[in-house]
Protein backbone atom coordinates (compact mmCIF):
# COMPACT_ATOMS: atom_id res chain seq x y z
CA MET A 1 -53.71 2.99 5.87
CA GLU A 2 -51.38 4.50 3.29
CA ARG A 3 -52.98 5.99 0.16
CA TYR A 4 -51.35 6.35 -3.25
CA ASP A 5 -52.29 6.94 -6.86
CA ILE A 6 -50.30 3.88 -7.95
CA VAL A 7 -49.29 0.93 -5.79
CA VAL A 8 -46.48 -1.22 -7.23
CA TYR A 9 -46.22 -4.70 -5.73
CA GLY A 10 -42.80 -6.13 -6.52
CA GLY A 11 -39.52 -4.19 -6.49
CA THR A 12 -38.16 -6.03 -9.52
CA SER A 13 -36.51 -4.13 -12.35
CA ALA A 14 -40.01 -3.70 -13.82
CA GLY A 15 -41.37 -2.46 -10.49
CA ILE A 16 -38.67 0.13 -9.95
CA MET A 17 -39.01 1.48 -13.49
CA ALA A 18 -42.77 1.61 -13.02
CA ALA A 19 -42.32 3.66 -9.86
CA VAL A 20 -39.77 6.02 -11.42
CA GLN A 21 -42.14 6.73 -14.29
CA ALA A 22 -44.97 7.32 -11.82
CA ALA A 23 -42.92 9.85 -9.88
CA ARG A 24 -41.92 11.63 -13.09
CA MET A 25 -45.60 11.93 -14.00
CA GLY A 26 -46.45 13.45 -10.63
CA MET A 27 -48.17 10.35 -9.26
CA ARG A 28 -48.03 9.38 -5.61
CA VAL A 29 -46.44 5.93 -5.73
CA VAL A 30 -45.10 3.27 -3.39
CA VAL A 31 -43.06 0.11 -4.06
CA ILE A 32 -43.82 -2.91 -1.90
CA GLU A 33 -41.09 -5.56 -2.15
CA PRO A 34 -41.59 -8.93 -0.45
CA GLY A 35 -37.85 -9.68 -0.43
CA VAL A 36 -34.72 -8.10 1.01
CA ARG A 37 -33.59 -5.95 -1.92
CA ILE A 38 -34.89 -4.15 -4.97
CA GLY A 39 -33.93 -4.70 -8.59
CA GLY A 40 -34.98 -8.32 -8.98
CA LEU A 41 -32.64 -10.54 -10.97
CA THR A 42 -30.82 -7.56 -12.45
CA ALA A 43 -29.45 -6.76 -8.98
CA SER A 44 -29.18 -10.41 -7.93
CA GLY A 45 -26.56 -11.90 -10.23
CA LEU A 46 -27.98 -11.52 -13.73
CA GLY A 47 -25.21 -9.23 -14.93
CA ALA A 48 -24.86 -10.71 -18.43
CA THR A 49 -27.86 -8.94 -19.89
CA ASP A 50 -29.98 -10.81 -22.40
CA ALA A 51 -30.43 -7.70 -24.52
CA GLY A 52 -31.58 -9.27 -27.77
CA ASP A 53 -31.53 -6.43 -30.28
CA PRO A 54 -30.31 -3.28 -28.44
CA ALA A 55 -32.13 -1.05 -30.93
CA ALA A 56 -35.43 -2.28 -29.44
CA ILE A 57 -34.53 -1.05 -25.95
CA GLY A 58 -35.57 2.51 -25.18
CA GLY A 59 -36.96 4.67 -22.40
CA LEU A 60 -35.92 4.08 -18.80
CA ALA A 61 -34.48 0.66 -19.67
CA ARG A 62 -31.93 2.22 -22.00
CA GLN A 63 -31.21 4.93 -19.44
CA PHE A 64 -30.59 2.25 -16.80
CA TYR A 65 -27.80 0.64 -18.85
CA GLU A 66 -26.35 4.08 -19.56
CA ARG A 67 -26.32 4.80 -15.82
CA VAL A 68 -24.58 1.49 -15.21
CA GLY A 69 -21.95 2.73 -17.64
CA ARG A 70 -21.53 5.94 -15.66
CA TYR A 71 -21.13 3.85 -12.49
CA TYR A 72 -18.00 2.46 -14.14
CA GLY A 73 -16.91 5.82 -15.53
CA ARG A 74 -17.84 4.91 -19.08
CA GLU A 75 -20.08 6.49 -21.68
CA GLY A 76 -22.79 4.59 -23.52
CA LEU A 77 -24.61 1.36 -22.73
CA VAL A 78 -23.01 -1.21 -20.46
CA TRP A 79 -24.64 -4.65 -20.58
CA ARG A 80 -22.38 -6.51 -18.13
CA PHE A 81 -22.06 -5.45 -14.52
CA GLU A 82 -21.70 -6.50 -10.90
CA PRO A 83 -24.83 -7.00 -8.76
CA LYS A 84 -23.79 -4.15 -6.47
CA ALA A 85 -23.54 -1.81 -9.47
CA ALA A 86 -27.12 -2.56 -10.52
CA LEU A 87 -28.34 -2.19 -6.95
CA ASP A 88 -26.62 1.17 -6.67
CA VAL A 89 -28.39 2.43 -9.79
CA PHE A 90 -31.80 1.20 -8.62
CA GLN A 91 -31.32 2.73 -5.18
CA SER A 92 -30.21 5.99 -6.75
CA TYR A 93 -33.38 6.08 -8.83
CA ALA A 94 -35.52 5.56 -5.74
CA ALA A 95 -33.66 8.21 -3.75
CA GLU A 96 -33.69 10.81 -6.53
CA HIS A 97 -37.43 10.44 -7.02
CA ARG A 98 -38.20 10.09 -3.31
CA ILE A 99 -39.98 6.82 -3.90
CA PRO A 100 -41.01 5.06 -0.68
CA VAL A 101 -39.81 1.47 -0.83
CA ARG A 102 -41.13 -1.08 1.66
CA CYS A 103 -38.93 -4.21 1.69
CA ARG A 104 -39.76 -7.47 3.51
CA GLU A 105 -43.47 -6.73 3.04
CA ARG A 106 -45.25 -9.81 1.72
CA LEU A 107 -48.82 -9.78 0.49
CA ASP A 108 -51.26 -11.65 2.71
CA LEU A 109 -52.00 -14.38 0.18
CA ALA A 110 -55.17 -15.56 1.90
CA ALA A 111 -57.00 -12.28 2.51
CA GLY A 112 -54.72 -9.47 1.41
CA VAL A 113 -56.79 -8.02 -1.43
CA ARG A 114 -59.84 -5.85 -0.72
CA ARG A 115 -62.07 -5.39 -3.73
CA ASN A 116 -65.12 -3.36 -4.60
CA GLY A 117 -66.73 -4.95 -7.61
CA THR A 118 -64.09 -5.24 -10.32
CA ARG A 119 -61.69 -2.84 -8.63
CA ILE A 120 -58.99 -3.41 -6.04
CA GLU A 121 -59.40 -0.88 -3.23
CA ALA A 122 -56.42 -1.86 -1.09
CA ILE A 123 -53.95 -4.60 -0.33
CA ARG A 124 -52.68 -5.78 3.05
CA THR A 125 -49.31 -7.34 3.82
CA GLU A 126 -48.51 -9.95 6.45
CA SER A 127 -47.25 -7.21 8.76
CA GLY A 128 -50.75 -5.71 8.81
CA ARG A 129 -49.91 -2.65 6.72
CA THR A 130 -52.61 -1.62 4.26
CA TYR A 131 -51.99 0.21 0.99
CA ALA A 132 -54.86 1.85 -0.87
CA GLY A 133 -54.49 2.91 -4.47
CA SER A 134 -56.29 4.00 -7.61
CA VAL A 135 -54.30 1.60 -9.82
CA PHE A 136 -52.18 -1.39 -8.84
CA ILE A 137 -49.25 -2.89 -10.73
CA ASP A 138 -48.16 -6.48 -10.10
CA ALA A 139 -44.45 -6.47 -10.96
CA THR A 140 -43.56 -9.75 -9.24
CA TYR A 141 -42.08 -12.75 -11.01
CA GLU A 142 -44.76 -14.94 -9.45
CA GLY A 143 -47.93 -12.91 -10.14
CA ASP A 144 -49.08 -13.14 -6.52
CA LEU A 145 -51.20 -9.98 -6.53
CA MET A 146 -52.78 -10.92 -9.83
CA ALA A 147 -53.73 -14.34 -8.48
CA ALA A 148 -54.97 -13.03 -5.13
CA ALA A 149 -57.17 -10.56 -7.02
CA GLY A 150 -58.90 -13.42 -8.83
CA VAL A 151 -57.46 -12.70 -12.27
CA SER A 152 -57.35 -15.61 -14.73
CA HIS A 153 -53.94 -17.16 -15.25
CA VAL A 154 -52.23 -20.36 -16.37
CA ILE A 155 -49.22 -22.34 -15.16
CA GLY A 156 -47.10 -24.61 -17.29
CA ARG A 157 -47.31 -25.29 -20.99
CA GLU A 158 -50.33 -24.97 -23.23
CA ALA A 159 -51.00 -27.68 -25.76
CA ASN A 160 -49.72 -26.74 -29.20
CA ALA A 161 -53.25 -27.10 -30.54
CA GLU A 162 -54.63 -24.33 -28.29
CA PHE A 163 -53.03 -21.51 -30.29
CA GLY A 164 -51.79 -23.43 -33.31
CA GLU A 165 -48.18 -23.33 -32.11
CA THR A 166 -45.24 -25.69 -32.66
CA LEU A 167 -42.99 -24.96 -29.65
CA ASN A 168 -45.49 -25.43 -26.85
CA GLY A 169 -46.48 -28.43 -24.79
CA ILE A 170 -44.38 -31.50 -24.08
CA ARG A 171 -41.33 -31.68 -26.33
CA THR A 172 -39.62 -34.61 -28.02
CA LEU A 173 -37.19 -36.24 -25.59
CA ALA A 174 -33.52 -35.36 -26.12
CA PRO A 175 -30.74 -37.81 -25.24
CA LEU A 176 -27.79 -36.72 -23.13
CA PRO A 177 -24.45 -36.29 -24.94
CA HIS A 178 -23.40 -39.61 -23.38
CA PRO A 179 -25.78 -42.42 -22.36
CA VAL A 180 -26.56 -42.47 -18.63
CA ASP A 181 -28.28 -45.34 -16.83
CA PRO A 182 -31.36 -43.92 -15.04
CA TYR A 183 -31.38 -46.28 -12.04
CA ARG A 184 -29.83 -45.78 -8.62
CA VAL A 185 -28.07 -49.11 -9.09
CA LYS A 186 -27.01 -49.35 -12.70
CA GLY A 187 -29.09 -51.83 -14.62
CA ASP A 188 -31.47 -52.50 -11.72
CA PRO A 189 -34.97 -50.98 -12.17
CA ALA A 190 -35.94 -52.31 -8.75
CA SER A 191 -33.44 -49.90 -7.14
CA GLY A 192 -35.53 -46.93 -8.27
CA LEU A 193 -34.79 -43.98 -10.50
CA LEU A 194 -32.12 -41.36 -9.89
CA PRO A 195 -33.33 -38.19 -8.13
CA ARG A 196 -35.64 -36.03 -10.24
CA VAL A 197 -35.77 -38.52 -13.13
CA ASN A 198 -39.33 -39.38 -14.22
CA ALA A 199 -40.39 -42.68 -15.73
CA SER A 200 -42.10 -40.83 -18.61
CA PRO A 201 -42.75 -37.24 -19.75
CA GLY A 202 -46.35 -37.52 -18.59
CA GLY A 203 -48.04 -37.16 -21.95
CA ALA A 204 -47.66 -37.12 -25.71
CA VAL A 205 -45.56 -34.62 -27.63
CA GLY A 206 -47.47 -31.37 -28.03
CA GLU A 207 -49.84 -31.96 -25.11
CA GLY A 208 -50.04 -29.37 -22.36
CA ASP A 209 -49.05 -29.86 -18.74
CA CYS A 210 -48.52 -27.89 -15.54
CA LYS A 211 -44.72 -28.06 -15.47
CA THR A 212 -42.42 -25.05 -15.75
CA GLN A 213 -38.90 -24.66 -17.05
CA ALA A 214 -36.10 -25.07 -14.50
CA TYR A 215 -34.94 -22.36 -12.11
CA ASN A 216 -31.54 -21.55 -10.64
CA PHE A 217 -29.63 -18.84 -8.84
CA ARG A 218 -27.43 -16.68 -11.05
CA MET A 219 -24.26 -17.21 -9.03
CA CYS A 220 -21.82 -14.34 -8.77
CA LEU A 221 -18.34 -15.85 -8.25
CA THR A 222 -14.80 -14.54 -8.02
CA ASN A 223 -11.32 -16.04 -8.12
CA ASP A 224 -9.78 -13.05 -6.34
CA PRO A 225 -8.21 -14.50 -3.15
CA LEU A 226 -8.66 -11.17 -1.36
CA ASN A 227 -12.41 -11.09 -2.05
CA ARG A 228 -13.27 -14.79 -2.19
CA VAL A 229 -15.40 -16.69 0.33
CA ALA A 230 -15.07 -20.46 -0.04
CA ILE A 231 -18.18 -22.50 -0.85
CA ASP A 232 -18.27 -25.26 1.71
CA LYS A 233 -20.09 -28.57 1.50
CA PRO A 234 -23.65 -27.51 2.38
CA PRO A 235 -25.62 -29.00 5.27
CA GLY A 236 -27.95 -31.69 3.95
CA TYR A 237 -25.64 -32.50 1.03
CA ARG A 238 -26.83 -35.63 -0.82
CA GLU A 239 -24.30 -37.31 -3.05
CA ALA A 240 -27.13 -38.98 -4.98
CA GLU A 241 -28.15 -35.56 -6.37
CA TYR A 242 -24.92 -35.57 -8.40
CA GLU A 243 -24.96 -39.18 -9.60
CA LEU A 244 -26.01 -38.06 -13.08
CA LEU A 245 -23.03 -35.67 -13.10
CA PHE A 246 -20.64 -38.43 -12.02
CA ARG A 247 -21.94 -40.81 -14.67
CA LEU A 248 -21.61 -38.18 -17.40
CA ILE A 249 -18.02 -37.52 -16.35
CA GLU A 250 -17.30 -41.26 -16.31
CA GLN A 251 -18.54 -41.39 -19.89
CA GLY A 252 -16.08 -38.69 -20.91
CA CYS A 253 -18.23 -35.57 -20.65
CA GLU A 254 -16.09 -32.52 -19.93
CA GLU A 255 -18.51 -29.77 -20.81
CA LEU A 256 -18.30 -26.59 -18.72
CA PHE A 257 -20.75 -27.49 -15.96
CA PHE A 258 -21.61 -23.85 -15.30
CA LYS A 259 -20.74 -20.63 -17.05
CA LEU A 260 -17.93 -18.34 -15.95
CA THR A 261 -19.09 -15.28 -17.87
CA MET A 262 -16.84 -12.48 -16.67
CA MET A 263 -18.21 -9.24 -15.25
CA PRO A 264 -16.32 -6.18 -14.01
CA GLY A 265 -14.59 -6.50 -10.63
CA ASN A 266 -13.14 -9.92 -11.48
CA LYS A 267 -16.54 -11.52 -10.92
CA THR A 268 -18.82 -13.78 -12.94
CA ASP A 269 -22.42 -14.26 -13.85
CA SER A 270 -22.41 -18.04 -13.53
CA ASN A 271 -25.55 -19.25 -15.22
CA ASN A 272 -26.64 -22.65 -16.45
CA SER A 273 -24.42 -23.93 -19.27
CA THR A 274 -26.04 -27.09 -20.69
CA PRO A 275 -29.60 -28.43 -20.99
CA TRP A 276 -28.66 -31.66 -19.19
CA CYS A 277 -26.46 -31.04 -16.11
CA SER A 278 -25.57 -27.64 -14.75
CA THR A 279 -26.86 -25.10 -12.21
CA ASP A 280 -30.54 -25.56 -13.14
CA TYR A 281 -32.17 -27.72 -10.47
CA ILE A 282 -34.24 -29.57 -13.05
CA GLY A 283 -37.59 -30.71 -11.69
CA GLY A 284 -37.08 -29.01 -8.34
CA ASN A 285 -39.47 -26.14 -9.00
CA VAL A 286 -42.70 -27.99 -9.85
CA LEU A 287 -44.65 -26.70 -6.84
CA TYR A 288 -43.18 -23.21 -6.74
CA PRO A 289 -45.57 -21.03 -8.82
CA GLU A 290 -48.63 -21.42 -6.60
CA ALA A 291 -46.96 -22.49 -3.36
CA ASP A 292 -47.27 -20.52 -0.13
CA TYR A 293 -44.29 -18.66 1.28
CA ARG A 294 -43.14 -21.53 3.51
CA VAL A 295 -43.00 -24.02 0.63
CA ARG A 296 -41.32 -21.49 -1.64
CA GLU A 297 -38.65 -20.89 0.98
CA GLU A 298 -38.05 -24.64 1.15
CA ILE A 299 -37.75 -24.78 -2.64
CA CYS A 300 -35.30 -21.85 -2.61
CA ARG A 301 -33.20 -23.58 0.04
CA ALA A 302 -33.19 -26.78 -2.02
CA HIS A 303 -31.98 -24.87 -5.09
CA GLU A 304 -29.25 -23.15 -3.05
CA ARG A 305 -28.19 -26.45 -1.44
CA TYR A 306 -28.01 -28.12 -4.86
CA GLN A 307 -25.93 -25.33 -6.41
CA ARG A 308 -23.57 -24.95 -3.46
CA GLY A 309 -23.23 -28.72 -3.50
CA LEU A 310 -22.55 -28.68 -7.25
CA VAL A 311 -19.69 -26.21 -6.84
CA TRP A 312 -18.26 -28.12 -3.87
CA THR A 313 -18.56 -31.42 -5.77
CA LEU A 314 -16.76 -30.07 -8.83
CA GLN A 315 -14.03 -28.64 -6.60
CA HIS A 316 -13.48 -31.51 -4.16
CA HIS A 317 -15.28 -34.80 -4.85
CA PRO A 318 -12.97 -37.75 -5.55
CA ARG A 319 -15.28 -38.98 -8.34
CA VAL A 320 -14.47 -35.80 -10.25
CA PRO A 321 -11.06 -36.09 -11.98
CA GLU A 322 -8.37 -33.78 -10.67
CA HIS A 323 -7.98 -31.88 -13.94
CA ILE A 324 -11.69 -30.93 -13.76
CA ARG A 325 -11.47 -30.03 -10.06
CA GLU A 326 -8.60 -27.68 -10.84
CA VAL A 327 -10.84 -25.69 -13.23
CA TYR A 328 -13.36 -24.92 -10.49
CA LYS A 329 -11.22 -24.71 -7.35
CA PRO A 330 -10.27 -21.02 -7.70
CA TRP A 331 -13.89 -19.83 -7.54
CA GLY A 332 -15.88 -18.67 -4.53
CA LEU A 333 -18.46 -16.09 -3.48
CA PRO A 334 -17.49 -12.38 -3.54
CA ARG A 335 -17.17 -10.97 -0.04
CA ASP A 336 -18.49 -7.59 -1.25
CA GLU A 337 -21.73 -8.90 -2.78
CA PHE A 338 -25.06 -9.90 -1.17
CA ILE A 339 -23.80 -9.10 2.30
CA GLU A 340 -27.35 -9.32 3.64
CA ASN A 341 -27.62 -12.94 2.44
CA ARG A 342 -24.29 -14.60 3.28
CA HIS A 343 -22.92 -13.51 -0.14
CA TRP A 344 -25.46 -15.69 -1.94
CA PRO A 345 -27.92 -14.15 -4.45
CA PRO A 346 -31.18 -13.43 -2.58
CA VAL A 347 -33.46 -13.79 -5.61
CA LEU A 348 -34.17 -17.15 -7.24
CA TYR A 349 -34.26 -16.99 -11.03
CA VAL A 350 -37.96 -17.71 -11.50
CA ARG A 351 -37.85 -17.93 -15.27
CA GLU A 352 -41.58 -18.50 -15.49
CA ALA A 353 -44.40 -18.93 -13.00
CA ARG A 354 -48.00 -17.79 -13.51
CA ARG A 355 -48.97 -16.16 -16.79
CA MET A 356 -52.09 -14.04 -16.99
CA ARG A 357 -54.88 -14.73 -19.45
CA GLY A 358 -55.71 -11.17 -20.37
CA GLU A 359 -57.42 -9.22 -23.10
CA ALA A 360 -54.83 -10.46 -25.63
CA VAL A 361 -52.29 -13.30 -25.66
CA VAL A 362 -48.74 -13.04 -27.03
CA THR A 363 -48.03 -16.28 -28.89
CA GLU A 364 -45.34 -17.91 -30.96
CA HIS A 365 -47.01 -16.34 -34.00
CA THR A 366 -46.55 -12.86 -32.50
CA ALA A 367 -42.87 -13.48 -31.85
CA LEU A 368 -42.32 -14.76 -35.38
CA GLY A 369 -43.88 -11.64 -36.89
CA ARG A 370 -47.03 -13.31 -38.17
CA GLU A 371 -49.53 -11.11 -36.32
CA ALA A 372 -50.37 -7.42 -36.55
CA VAL A 373 -50.39 -5.68 -33.16
CA PRO A 374 -52.13 -2.28 -33.27
CA ASP A 375 -51.37 -1.26 -29.68
CA ALA A 376 -47.70 -2.12 -29.07
CA ILE A 377 -46.16 -0.90 -25.81
CA ALA A 378 -42.77 -2.67 -26.05
CA LEU A 379 -40.68 -4.82 -28.36
CA GLY A 380 -39.34 -8.29 -27.67
CA SER A 381 -36.29 -9.44 -29.59
CA TYR A 382 -34.55 -12.26 -27.71
CA ALA A 383 -34.90 -15.81 -28.97
CA MET A 384 -37.79 -17.92 -27.71
CA ASP A 385 -35.88 -19.82 -25.05
CA SER A 386 -37.07 -22.47 -22.62
CA HIS A 387 -34.75 -24.29 -20.26
CA THR A 388 -35.15 -27.99 -19.57
CA VAL A 389 -38.38 -28.93 -17.81
CA GLN A 390 -37.69 -32.51 -16.70
CA TYR A 391 -35.52 -35.61 -16.85
CA CYS A 392 -37.21 -38.73 -18.25
CA VAL A 393 -36.34 -42.28 -19.17
CA GLY A 394 -36.11 -42.45 -22.94
CA GLY A 395 -37.11 -45.23 -25.26
CA ASP A 396 -33.56 -46.62 -25.20
CA GLY A 397 -33.65 -46.94 -21.41
CA THR A 398 -31.25 -44.06 -20.71
CA VAL A 399 -31.80 -40.59 -19.20
CA HIS A 400 -33.20 -37.96 -21.56
CA THR A 401 -34.13 -34.31 -21.06
CA GLU A 402 -37.42 -32.73 -22.10
CA GLY A 403 -38.60 -29.18 -22.57
CA HIS A 404 -35.63 -27.25 -23.89
CA PHE A 405 -35.82 -25.14 -27.03
CA PHE A 406 -34.07 -22.11 -28.46
CA VAL A 407 -35.60 -20.51 -31.55
CA ARG A 408 -34.44 -17.14 -32.81
CA VAL A 409 -37.01 -14.52 -33.78
CA PRO A 410 -36.55 -12.92 -37.22
CA ALA A 411 -36.90 -9.34 -35.93
CA PRO A 412 -38.08 -7.39 -32.87
CA PHE A 413 -41.79 -8.02 -32.38
CA PRO A 414 -44.52 -5.89 -30.75
CA ILE A 415 -46.13 -6.68 -27.39
CA SER A 416 -49.74 -5.58 -27.08
CA TYR A 417 -51.03 -3.31 -24.32
CA ARG A 418 -53.92 -5.74 -23.93
CA ALA A 419 -51.40 -8.42 -22.88
CA ILE A 420 -50.74 -6.61 -19.58
CA VAL A 421 -54.44 -5.86 -18.95
CA PRO A 422 -56.78 -8.35 -17.22
CA LYS A 423 -60.11 -9.22 -18.73
CA ARG A 424 -62.55 -6.40 -18.20
CA ALA A 425 -64.93 -8.45 -16.06
CA GLU A 426 -62.13 -9.53 -13.71
CA CYS A 427 -60.31 -6.34 -12.67
CA GLY A 428 -60.42 -2.74 -13.92
CA ASN A 429 -57.45 -1.23 -12.08
CA LEU A 430 -54.63 -3.78 -12.26
CA LEU A 431 -51.73 -4.00 -14.73
CA VAL A 432 -49.41 -7.02 -14.99
CA PRO A 433 -46.16 -6.25 -16.87
CA VAL A 434 -44.13 -9.29 -15.75
CA CYS A 435 -46.54 -12.25 -15.53
CA LEU A 436 -48.23 -10.92 -18.64
CA SER A 437 -50.60 -12.73 -20.95
CA ALA A 438 -48.42 -14.93 -23.14
CA THR A 439 -48.03 -18.57 -24.00
CA HIS A 440 -45.10 -20.56 -22.67
CA ALA A 441 -43.49 -20.43 -26.11
CA ALA A 442 -43.67 -16.65 -26.49
CA TYR A 443 -42.86 -15.96 -22.85
CA GLY A 444 -39.47 -17.54 -23.53
CA SER A 445 -38.59 -14.38 -25.45
CA VAL A 446 -40.53 -11.80 -23.46
CA ARG A 447 -39.05 -12.84 -20.09
CA MET A 448 -35.88 -10.74 -20.39
CA GLU A 449 -35.02 -8.05 -17.86
CA PRO A 450 -34.78 -5.12 -20.34
CA VAL A 451 -38.24 -6.01 -21.69
CA PHE A 452 -39.63 -6.16 -18.15
CA MET A 453 -38.24 -2.67 -17.49
CA ILE A 454 -39.93 -1.34 -20.63
CA LEU A 455 -43.20 -3.05 -19.78
CA GLY A 456 -43.07 -1.64 -16.24
CA GLN A 457 -42.63 1.89 -17.54
CA SER A 458 -45.32 1.37 -20.17
CA ALA A 459 -47.74 0.05 -17.54
CA THR A 460 -47.29 3.17 -15.43
CA ILE A 461 -47.97 5.50 -18.34
CA ALA A 462 -51.30 3.70 -18.80
CA ALA A 463 -51.93 3.72 -15.04
CA ALA A 464 -51.37 7.47 -14.83
CA ILE A 465 -53.79 8.10 -17.69
CA ALA A 466 -56.35 5.88 -15.98
CA VAL A 467 -55.92 7.81 -12.71
CA GLU A 468 -56.11 11.24 -14.33
CA ARG A 469 -59.17 10.42 -16.44
CA GLY A 470 -60.96 8.18 -13.96
CA ARG A 471 -61.02 5.24 -16.35
CA ALA A 472 -60.57 1.51 -16.12
CA VAL A 473 -57.23 0.35 -17.47
CA GLN A 474 -59.10 -1.38 -20.31
CA ASP A 475 -60.41 2.03 -21.43
CA VAL A 476 -57.06 3.85 -21.67
CA ASP A 477 -56.88 5.42 -25.11
CA TYR A 478 -53.89 4.08 -27.00
CA GLY A 479 -53.37 7.42 -28.73
CA ASP A 480 -53.00 9.09 -25.32
CA TRP A 481 -50.59 6.38 -24.24
CA ARG A 482 -48.63 6.68 -27.48
CA ARG A 483 -48.07 10.41 -27.11
CA ALA A 484 -46.82 10.04 -23.54
CA ALA A 485 -44.63 7.06 -24.43
CA ASP A 486 -43.05 8.88 -27.37
CA ALA A 487 -42.04 11.68 -25.03
CA CYS A 488 -40.35 9.07 -22.79
CA GLY A 489 -38.38 7.45 -25.60
CA ILE A 490 -40.17 4.10 -25.52
CA ILE A 491 -39.64 2.23 -28.79
CA THR A 492 -42.49 0.22 -30.28
CA ASP A 493 -41.64 0.24 -33.99
CA LEU A 494 -38.25 0.16 -35.69
CA GLY A 495 -39.71 0.81 -39.13
CA GLU A 496 -40.14 -1.41 -42.16
CA ASP A 497 -36.60 -0.83 -43.42
CA TYR A 498 -34.89 -1.83 -40.19
CA ALA A 499 -32.73 -4.95 -40.45
CA THR A 500 -31.86 -6.84 -37.29
CA PRO A 501 -28.06 -7.11 -36.98
CA GLU A 502 -26.68 -10.64 -37.24
CA GLY A 503 -26.50 -12.47 -33.93
CA THR A 504 -28.44 -10.01 -31.77
CA THR A 505 -31.57 -12.01 -31.01
CA GLY A 506 -30.26 -14.19 -28.24
CA ASN A 507 -27.58 -16.62 -27.12
CA PRO A 508 -28.51 -20.12 -25.92
CA LEU A 509 -29.18 -20.52 -22.21
């Protein structure tokens, strides 16, 4: 058994920053990462940083983007970068602070948490390794440790009525930019619906459900012939998966079907570009949040197959006009990225999975500046942003989308310490900075990588105080936390006179 002061489960950007802060505070710390690399999405293709208002980003998060700048020989903050640049910075942090990192170590979901009353004593991975700790931090995108520890959480969308919100629950259906027949054989309901198209949204507008916004892989592409690996037609390719794409094109749609946002090194961060037909595998993630590892792997393979197939289709399929094929043909996977995973990003963009129900809940009202938060540990500033949740048949008999929204916040807003703390009766030594306690609406803003880094660092400051004083995490004195956080440069208040610069609180999708 290995023993530590702080055990971090999840080597995401939040997890690495949590561990760095622990080492700087003299804590014995370990990072347990279930996947093949550290850094989460930041090191797996998300190079176009959703920074929101840069003034709200302090502490280790700000230092990370400065170190990315130094990687490129530049001074100041650099918000766009190659995956290998981010990985280099994260690995340098771990090496400098002598942080033990255990990759490919997955929590035993069935019996991997040993508790004594309301405290976690140790966790065990599938390999049989056991890690004991005084405080545990769940920094995964899925909240697996939180769930295995019996902490309350939700999946999907709350009803608007639960917290008096307007953006939550099932949304009003939105038509596609061109009408698309929803049936496999046009005009024939007996032929069945197109893949992933539902007959109805499953409830009334504003009602809650268990569905989550769509996932994708943040593809890193290049058009450099010397570094490009072609994307072939994937095994298991199903032409029917792209029938909606073909029908949109037939109707004259020539939107960019995925982004080609340029990064250094002649590479892209190719994210989803429209709410209706792009790299998001809409409806393909329904089972993911609480699935076991085998099912999640199947879902990841389905997302990869869909996206590889999308690129191949846009480059080669005869139903795609030649002038559109020519736009996409130059692009392939960089030979010098993700070498351990056939040049494909190893981390699925899990935009939202479980969300804890903790001591406090961040809501739409928090994000819009309508609530006082006396114990802020970070600021959110990106727009409240949810990707499409599902395809449905609309009232006019054509395909509609449901679930997308993008609502700017008026100014950076505070995130409460109590939102990363479980209820006292459930667990006294666990902190959850990623799958924190927030509604679906508010999580759309909080879920940005710089905010996760700040929350990871903030969680460790609280964890260290809890270790040193022998307290439950619910009993950490905010004044003690505040003094330590100020010394680390964490920003929780920009002052009453601060004005958010125009256009800094998020870009759609």
